[in-house]
Amino acid sequence: MNFCPNCGSKLDGKVRFCPNCGAPVAGQGGAGSSFGSEGAGAAGSGQQMSIETDYSRYRGYEDYASGTRSAGSQYTNAGDGAYSGGAYSSGNAQGAGAYGNAGAQRTRAYTAGTSTGISRRNIALCVIFSLLTFGIYGLFWMAKENDDINLLSGEVNATGGGMVVLLSIVTCGIYALYWYYKMGERTDRIKGSQEGSTGLIYLLLAIFGLSIVSVCLIQDTINRSVGRI
């Protein structure tokens, strides 16, 4: 039996060209030729086996590589995704957001306070000056406290100190009651207490004629805040 020396296909009879690949078939005739053909066929068969074996190995490697890429892709997507885009980033984003929301106003306030010259005041001297000037210095003190608290709480667009004094005089002190309540809310924000009741305390003190205490407490908050800058 003869085999094609190129592709190893079986050859029926004496043919000059392989019907499978078209390669010329040499040595058709005689024992020597038959032996040569058998040898060539064996060589072709061995070549074919080698090709098939190499191909199988290649396919196996390709499958392995594909499996590796697939596993690596899942690991990357699941691992890196969860680490960088999932819990880690979300947790840090929430933490940074919470920290930023809690501290951003105070940070801006401290920067604004430094640039605008917010300074600590001696509370006892302010009270003495208010008494000696029959309340005139007290109005000035009230206006300054308002502007300082606005800066420290981050509400730079709130009502200015001069307007607060004017409205308090025009309304015969009624607006001042509202002002004490708002100052209490802002001092709570400066202290980091979101649900404090300082506004109500300041309001009650003012109603019972102890507004000077509220003013002193406001100044104490300013002094403490400026001292932490």
C-alpha atoms as a PDB file:
ATOM      1  CA  MET A   1       0.000   0.000   0.000  1.00  0.00           C
ATOM      2  CA  ASN A   2       1.290   3.396  -0.942  1.00  0.00           C
ATOM      3  CA  PHE A   3       0.997   6.641   0.986  1.00  0.00           C
ATOM      4  CA  CYS A   4       1.356  10.237  -0.169  1.00  0.00           C
ATOM      5  CA  PRO A   5       4.746  11.539   0.980  1.00  0.00           C
ATOM      6  CA  ASN A   6       3.231  15.013   1.474  1.00  0.00           C
ATOM      7  CA  CYS A   7       0.001  14.449   3.383  1.00  0.00           C
ATOM      8  CA  GLY A   8       0.200  10.755   4.204  1.00  0.00           C
ATOM      9  CA  SER A   9      -3.082   9.851   2.487  1.00  0.00           C
ATOM     10  CA  LYS A  10      -3.558   6.295   1.289  1.00  0.00           C
ATOM     11  CA  LEU A  11      -2.987   5.855  -2.433  1.00  0.00           C
ATOM     12  CA  ASP A  12      -4.928   3.222  -4.345  1.00  0.00           C
ATOM     13  CA  GLY A  13      -3.021   1.734  -7.236  1.00  0.00           C
ATOM     14  CA  LYS A  14      -0.275   3.427  -9.098  1.00  0.00           C
ATOM     15  CA  VAL A  15      -1.017   7.134  -9.255  1.00  0.00           C
ATOM     16  CA  ARG A  16       1.379   9.901 -10.135  1.00  0.00           C
ATOM     17  CA  PHE A  17      -0.356  12.590  -8.102  1.00  0.00           C
ATOM     18  CA  CYS A  18      -2.058  12.436  -4.717  1.00  0.00           C
ATOM     19  CA  PRO A  19      -5.828  12.827  -5.145  1.00  0.00           C
ATOM     20  CA  ASN A  20      -5.996  14.511  -1.731  1.00  0.00           C
ATOM     21  CA  CYS A  21      -3.289  17.187  -1.894  1.00  0.00           C
ATOM     22  CA  GLY A  22      -2.157  16.957  -5.520  1.00  0.00           C
ATOM     23  CA  ALA A  23       1.494  16.374  -4.618  1.00  0.00           C
ATOM     24  CA  PRO A  24       3.513  14.273  -7.114  1.00  0.00           C
ATOM     25  CA  VAL A  25       4.043  10.686  -6.037  1.00  0.00           C
ATOM     26  CA  ALA A  26       7.484   9.295  -6.910  1.00  0.00           C
ATOM     27  CA  GLY A  27       8.782   5.701  -6.985  1.00  0.00           C
ATOM     28  CA  GLN A  28       5.654   3.976  -8.336  1.00  0.00           C
ATOM     29  CA  GLY A  29       6.862   0.536  -9.430  1.00  0.00           C
ATOM     30  CA  GLY A  30       9.052  -2.405  -8.282  1.00  0.00           C
ATOM     31  CA  ALA A  31       9.904  -3.603  -4.849  1.00  0.00           C
ATOM     32  CA  GLY A  32      12.303  -0.767  -4.274  1.00  0.00           C
ATOM     33  CA  SER A  33       9.696   1.690  -5.312  1.00  0.00           C
ATOM     34  CA  SER A  34       7.110  -0.011  -3.167  1.00  0.00           C
ATOM     35  CA  PHE A  35       9.488   0.046  -0.225  1.00  0.00           C
ATOM     36  CA  GLY A  36      10.248   3.662  -0.926  1.00  0.00           C
ATOM     37  CA  SER A  37       6.592   4.396  -1.089  1.00  0.00           C
ATOM     38  CA  GLU A  38       5.972   2.520   2.130  1.00  0.00           C
ATOM     39  CA  GLY A  39       8.847   4.437   3.731  1.00  0.00           C
ATOM     40  CA  ALA A  40       7.592   7.697   2.386  1.00  0.00           C
ATOM     41  CA  GLY A  41       4.096   6.824   3.538  1.00  0.00           C
ATOM     42  CA  ALA A  42       5.361   6.000   6.994  1.00  0.00           C
ATOM     43  CA  ALA A  43       7.231   9.251   7.065  1.00  0.00           C
ATOM     44  CA  GLY A  44       4.123  11.098   5.936  1.00  0.00           C
ATOM     45  CA  SER A  45       2.031   9.335   8.518  1.00  0.00           C
ATOM     46  CA  GLY A  46       4.555  10.241  11.187  1.00  0.00           C
ATOM     47  CA  GLN A  47       4.490  13.829   9.977  1.00  0.00           C
ATOM     48  CA  GLN A  48       0.719  13.853  10.163  1.00  0.00           C
ATOM     49  CA  MET A  49       0.770  12.402  13.653  1.00  0.00           C
ATOM     50  CA  SER A  50       3.298  15.028  14.649  1.00  0.00           C
ATOM     51  CA  ILE A  51       1.134  17.790  13.219  1.00  0.00           C
ATOM     52  CA  GLU A  52      -1.959  16.467  14.961  1.00  0.00           C
ATOM     53  CA  THR A  53      -0.073  16.109  18.230  1.00  0.00           C
ATOM     54  CA  ASP A  54       1.336  19.632  18.001  1.00  0.00           C
ATOM     55  CA  TYR A  55      -2.096  20.967  17.111  1.00  0.00           C
ATOM     56  CA  SER A  56      -3.641  19.184  20.071  1.00  0.00           C
ATOM     57  CA  ARG A  57      -0.985  20.641  22.301  1.00  0.00           C
ATOM     58  CA  TYR A  58      -1.613  24.060  20.830  1.00  0.00           C
ATOM     59  CA  ARG A  59      -5.331  23.689  21.350  1.00  0.00           C
ATOM     60  CA  GLY A  60      -4.704  22.583  24.907  1.00  0.00           C
ATOM     61  CA  TYR A  61      -2.475  25.587  25.498  1.00  0.00           C
ATOM     62  CA  GLU A  62      -5.019  27.873  23.898  1.00  0.00           C
ATOM     63  CA  ASP A  63      -7.773  26.490  26.097  1.00  0.00           C
ATOM     64  CA  TYR A  64      -5.531  26.885  29.110  1.00  0.00           C
ATOM     65  CA  ALA A  65      -4.690  30.422  28.110  1.00  0.00           C
ATOM     66  CA  SER A  66      -8.354  31.211  27.493  1.00  0.00           C
ATOM     67  CA  GLY A  67      -9.252  29.737  30.850  1.00  0.00           C
ATOM     68  CA  THR A  68      -6.537  31.772  32.496  1.00  0.00           C
ATOM     69  CA  ARG A  69      -7.701  34.946  30.827  1.00  0.00           C
ATOM     70  CA  SER A  70     -11.287  34.209  31.768  1.00  0.00           C
ATOM     71  CA  ALA A  71     -10.397  33.472  35.368  1.00  0.00           C
ATOM     72  CA  GLY A  72      -8.109  36.480  35.489  1.00  0.00           C
ATOM     73  CA  SER A  73     -10.795  38.654  33.994  1.00  0.00           C
ATOM     74  CA  GLN A  74     -13.322  37.512  36.586  1.00  0.00           C
ATOM     75  CA  TYR A  75     -10.782  38.026  39.340  1.00  0.00           C
ATOM     76  CA  THR A  76      -9.925  41.454  38.047  1.00  0.00           C
ATOM     77  CA  ASN A  77     -13.536  42.470  37.566  1.00  0.00           C
ATOM     78  CA  ALA A  78     -14.730  40.997  40.839  1.00  0.00           C
ATOM     79  CA  GLY A  79     -11.656  41.766  42.916  1.00  0.00           C
ATOM     80  CA  ASP A  80     -10.395  45.048  41.568  1.00  0.00           C
ATOM     81  CA  GLY A  81     -13.938  46.180  40.876  1.00  0.00           C
ATOM     82  CA  ALA A  82     -15.032  45.516  44.415  1.00  0.00           C
ATOM     83  CA  TYR A  83     -11.845  47.036  45.808  1.00  0.00           C
ATOM     84  CA  SER A  84     -11.553  50.158  43.712  1.00  0.00           C
ATOM     85  CA  GLY A  85     -15.084  50.760  42.511  1.00  0.00           C
ATOM     86  CA  GLY A  86     -17.128  49.023  45.179  1.00  0.00           C
ATOM     87  CA  ALA A  87     -16.956  48.841  48.926  1.00  0.00           C
ATOM     88  CA  TYR A  88     -13.557  50.480  49.298  1.00  0.00           C
ATOM     89  CA  SER A  89     -14.305  53.513  47.168  1.00  0.00           C
ATOM     90  CA  SER A  90     -17.911  53.731  48.327  1.00  0.00           C
ATOM     91  CA  GLY A  91     -16.887  53.510  51.960  1.00  0.00           C
ATOM     92  CA  ASN A  92     -14.172  56.090  51.500  1.00  0.00           C
ATOM     93  CA  ALA A  93     -16.467  58.286  49.446  1.00  0.00           C
ATOM     94  CA  GLN A  94     -19.091  58.155  52.183  1.00  0.00           C
ATOM     95  CA  GLY A  95     -16.460  58.716  54.852  1.00  0.00           C
ATOM     96  CA  ALA A  96     -14.885  61.553  52.933  1.00  0.00           C
ATOM     97  CA  GLY A  97     -18.321  62.979  52.201  1.00  0.00           C
ATOM     98  CA  ALA A  98     -19.360  62.803  55.834  1.00  0.00           C
ATOM     99  CA  TYR A  99     -16.071  64.296  56.956  1.00  0.00           C
ATOM    100  CA  GLY A 100     -16.202  66.941  54.264  1.00  0.00           C
ATOM    101  CA  ASN A 101     -19.796  67.902  55.034  1.00  0.00           C
ATOM    102  CA  ALA A 102     -19.048  68.104  58.726  1.00  0.00           C
ATOM    103  CA  GLY A 103     -15.754  69.921  58.390  1.00  0.00           C
ATOM    104  CA  ALA A 104     -16.002  71.886  55.163  1.00  0.00           C
ATOM    105  CA  GLN A 105     -17.950  74.753  56.673  1.00  0.00           C
ATOM    106  CA  ARG A 106     -15.564  75.036  59.584  1.00  0.00           C
ATOM    107  CA  THR A 107     -12.574  74.845  57.251  1.00  0.00           C
ATOM    108  CA  ARG A 108     -13.992  77.607  55.063  1.00  0.00           C
ATOM    109  CA  ALA A 109     -14.924  79.549  58.159  1.00  0.00           C
ATOM    110  CA  TYR A 110     -11.463  79.288  59.645  1.00  0.00           C
ATOM    111  CA  THR A 111      -9.900  80.424  56.386  1.00  0.00           C
ATOM    112  CA  ALA A 112     -12.370  83.266  56.083  1.00  0.00           C
ATOM    113  CA  GLY A 113     -11.886  84.163  59.732  1.00  0.00           C
ATOM    114  CA  THR A 114      -8.144  84.348  59.358  1.00  0.00           C
ATOM    115  CA  SER A 115      -8.359  86.491  56.249  1.00  0.00           C
ATOM    116  CA  THR A 116     -10.964  88.884  57.705  1.00  0.00           C
ATOM    117  CA  GLY A 117      -9.302  89.273  61.085  1.00  0.00           C
ATOM    118  CA  ILE A 118     -11.635  87.461  63.487  1.00  0.00           C
ATOM    119  CA  SER A 119      -9.972  87.729  66.868  1.00  0.00           C
ATOM    120  CA  ARG A 120     -10.705  86.684  70.395  1.00  0.00           C
ATOM    121  CA  ARG A 121     -12.325  89.278  72.666  1.00  0.00           C
ATOM    122  CA  ASN A 122     -12.173  89.631  76.410  1.00  0.00           C
ATOM    123  CA  ILE A 123     -15.737  88.979  77.514  1.00  0.00           C
ATOM    124  CA  ALA A 124     -15.422  90.816  80.820  1.00  0.00           C
ATOM    125  CA  LEU A 125     -14.082  93.959  79.135  1.00  0.00           C
ATOM    126  CA  CYS A 126     -16.863  93.854  76.538  1.00  0.00           C
ATOM    127  CA  VAL A 127     -19.470  93.712  79.305  1.00  0.00           C
ATOM    128  CA  ILE A 128     -17.820  96.632  81.145  1.00  0.00           C
ATOM    129  CA  PHE A 129     -17.652  98.744  77.979  1.00  0.00           C
ATOM    130  CA  SER A 130     -21.322  98.017  77.271  1.00  0.00           C
ATOM    131  CA  LEU A 131     -22.294  99.200  80.747  1.00  0.00           C
ATOM    132  CA  LEU A 132     -20.087 102.299  80.626  1.00  0.00           C
ATOM    133  CA  THR A 133     -21.507 103.360  77.225  1.00  0.00           C
ATOM    134  CA  PHE A 134     -25.113 102.658  78.240  1.00  0.00           C
ATOM    135  CA  GLY A 135     -25.461  99.859  75.709  1.00  0.00           C
ATOM    136  CA  ILE A 136     -23.904 101.597  72.709  1.00  0.00           C
ATOM    137  CA  TYR A 137     -20.837  99.360  72.723  1.00  0.00           C
ATOM    138  CA  GLY A 138     -23.218  96.440  73.240  1.00  0.00           C
ATOM    139  CA  LEU A 139     -24.815  97.161  69.849  1.00  0.00           C
ATOM    140  CA  PHE A 140     -21.389  97.258  68.227  1.00  0.00           C
ATOM    141  CA  TRP A 141     -20.498  94.016  70.001  1.00  0.00           C
ATOM    142  CA  MET A 142     -23.714  92.437  68.771  1.00  0.00           C
ATOM    143  CA  ALA A 143     -22.941  93.397  65.164  1.00  0.00           C
ATOM    144  CA  LYS A 144     -19.392  92.032  65.367  1.00  0.00           C
ATOM    145  CA  GLU A 145     -20.561  88.757  66.902  1.00  0.00           C
ATOM    146  CA  ASN A 146     -23.110  88.349  64.140  1.00  0.00           C
ATOM    147  CA  ASP A 147     -20.513  88.761  61.395  1.00  0.00           C
ATOM    148  CA  ASP A 148     -18.030  86.479  63.146  1.00  0.00           C
ATOM    149  CA  ILE A 149     -20.600  83.722  63.657  1.00  0.00           C
ATOM    150  CA  ASN A 150     -21.709  84.015  60.039  1.00  0.00           C
ATOM    151  CA  LEU A 151     -18.140  83.426  58.903  1.00  0.00           C
ATOM    152  CA  LEU A 152     -17.435  80.617  61.337  1.00  0.00           C
ATOM    153  CA  SER A 153     -20.651  78.779  60.440  1.00  0.00           C
ATOM    154  CA  GLY A 154     -20.043  79.219  56.714  1.00  0.00           C
ATOM    155  CA  GLU A 155     -23.143  81.423  56.206  1.00  0.00           C
ATOM    156  CA  VAL A 156     -21.321  84.374  54.698  1.00  0.00           C
ATOM    157  CA  ASN A 157     -24.455  85.539  52.852  1.00  0.00           C
ATOM    158  CA  ALA A 158     -26.607  85.770  55.994  1.00  0.00           C
ATOM    159  CA  THR A 159     -27.873  89.071  57.365  1.00  0.00           C
ATOM    160  CA  GLY A 160     -25.008  91.416  58.249  1.00  0.00           C
ATOM    161  CA  GLY A 161     -24.355  92.778  61.711  1.00  0.00           C
ATOM    162  CA  GLY A 162     -25.342  96.348  60.862  1.00  0.00           C
ATOM    163  CA  MET A 163     -28.713  95.219  59.499  1.00  0.00           C
ATOM    164  CA  VAL A 164     -29.294  93.047  62.579  1.00  0.00           C
ATOM    165  CA  VAL A 165     -28.763  96.045  64.874  1.00  0.00           C
ATOM    166  CA  LEU A 166     -30.997  98.252  62.732  1.00  0.00           C
ATOM    167  CA  LEU A 167     -33.825  95.707  62.614  1.00  0.00           C
ATOM    168  CA  SER A 168     -33.554  95.134  66.359  1.00  0.00           C
ATOM    169  CA  ILE A 169     -33.930  98.870  67.027  1.00  0.00           C
ATOM    170  CA  VAL A 170     -36.782  99.330  64.543  1.00  0.00           C
ATOM    171  CA  THR A 171     -38.745  96.368  65.924  1.00  0.00           C
ATOM    172  CA  CYS A 172     -38.071  97.387  69.538  1.00  0.00           C
ATOM    173  CA  GLY A 173     -36.100  94.233  70.231  1.00  0.00           C
ATOM    174  CA  ILE A 174     -38.459  91.705  68.649  1.00  0.00           C
ATOM    175  CA  TYR A 175     -36.011  90.914  65.838  1.00  0.00           C
ATOM    176  CA  ALA A 176     -33.290  90.525  68.464  1.00  0.00           C
ATOM    177  CA  LEU A 177     -35.185  87.553  69.927  1.00  0.00           C
ATOM    178  CA  TYR A 178     -35.169  85.868  66.539  1.00  0.00           C
ATOM    179  CA  TRP A 179     -31.479  86.720  66.191  1.00  0.00           C
ATOM    180  CA  TYR A 180     -30.590  85.024  69.478  1.00  0.00           C
ATOM    181  CA  TYR A 181     -32.357  81.874  68.342  1.00  0.00           C
ATOM    182  CA  LYS A 182     -30.507  81.845  64.988  1.00  0.00           C
ATOM    183  CA  MET A 183     -27.181  82.506  66.708  1.00  0.00           C
ATOM    184  CA  GLY A 184     -27.807  79.458  68.882  1.00  0.00           C
ATOM    185  CA  GLU A 185     -28.386  77.277  65.825  1.00  0.00           C
ATOM    186  CA  ARG A 186     -25.196  78.512  64.191  1.00  0.00           C
ATOM    187  CA  THR A 187     -23.103  78.030  67.291  1.00  0.00           C
ATOM    188  CA  ASP A 188     -24.367  74.444  67.403  1.00  0.00           C
ATOM    189  CA  ARG A 189     -23.157  73.939  63.836  1.00  0.00           C
ATOM    190  CA  ILE A 190     -19.784  75.433  64.695  1.00  0.00           C
ATOM    191  CA  LYS A 191     -19.482  73.032  67.631  1.00  0.00           C
ATOM    192  CA  GLY A 192     -20.506  70.117  65.397  1.00  0.00           C
ATOM    193  CA  SER A 193     -23.815  69.518  67.177  1.00  0.00           C
ATOM    194  CA  GLN A 194     -26.488  69.110  64.527  1.00  0.00           C
ATOM    195  CA  GLU A 195     -29.376  68.610  66.978  1.00  0.00           C
ATOM    196  CA  GLY A 196     -28.442  71.046  69.723  1.00  0.00           C
ATOM    197  CA  SER A 197     -30.893  73.231  71.610  1.00  0.00           C
ATOM    198  CA  THR A 198     -28.643  76.238  72.095  1.00  0.00           C
ATOM    199  CA  GLY A 199     -30.957  78.447  70.053  1.00  0.00           C
ATOM    200  CA  LEU A 200     -33.825  77.807  72.434  1.00  0.00           C
ATOM    201  CA  ILE A 201     -31.595  78.487  75.443  1.00  0.00           C
ATOM    202  CA  TYR A 202     -30.425  81.822  74.010  1.00  0.00           C
ATOM    203  CA  LEU A 203     -34.018  82.771  73.239  1.00  0.00           C
ATOM    204  CA  LEU A 204     -35.253  81.988  76.755  1.00  0.00           C
ATOM    205  CA  LEU A 205     -32.374  83.922  78.314  1.00  0.00           C
ATOM    206  CA  ALA A 206     -33.247  86.966  76.197  1.00  0.00           C
ATOM    207  CA  ILE A 207     -36.949  86.707  77.045  1.00  0.00           C
ATOM    208  CA  PHE A 208     -36.176  86.670  80.777  1.00  0.00           C
ATOM    209  CA  GLY A 209     -33.904  89.723  80.514  1.00  0.00           C
ATOM    210  CA  LEU A 210     -30.608  87.821  80.519  1.00  0.00           C
ATOM    211  CA  SER A 211     -29.627  88.571  76.948  1.00  0.00           C
ATOM    212  CA  ILE A 212     -26.187  89.654  78.153  1.00  0.00           C
ATOM    213  CA  VAL A 213     -25.563  86.013  79.113  1.00  0.00           C
ATOM    214  CA  SER A 214     -26.431  84.895  75.594  1.00  0.00           C
ATOM    215  CA  VAL A 215     -24.083  87.481  74.132  1.00  0.00           C
ATOM    216  CA  CYS A 216     -21.285  86.277  76.408  1.00  0.00           C
ATOM    217  CA  LEU A 217     -21.896  82.643  75.446  1.00  0.00           C
ATOM    218  CA  ILE A 218     -21.788  83.581  71.758  1.00  0.00           C
ATOM    219  CA  GLN A 219     -18.484  85.348  72.272  1.00  0.00           C
ATOM    220  CA  ASP A 220     -17.141  82.322  74.149  1.00  0.00           C
ATOM    221  CA  THR A 221     -17.946  80.133  71.135  1.00  0.00           C
ATOM    222  CA  ILE A 222     -16.138  82.572  68.852  1.00  0.00           C
ATOM    223  CA  ASN A 223     -13.080  82.676  71.141  1.00  0.00           C
ATOM    224  CA  ARG A 224     -12.883  78.882  71.292  1.00  0.00           C
ATOM    225  CA  SER A 225     -13.289  78.525  67.536  1.00  0.00           C
ATOM    226  CA  VAL A 226     -10.663  81.143  66.706  1.00  0.00           C
ATOM    227  CA  GLY A 227      -8.311  79.531  69.235  1.00  0.00           C
ATOM    228  CA  ARG A 228      -8.505  76.228  67.262  1.00  0.00           C
ATOM    229  CA  ILE A 229      -7.535  77.797  63.924  1.00  0.00           C
END
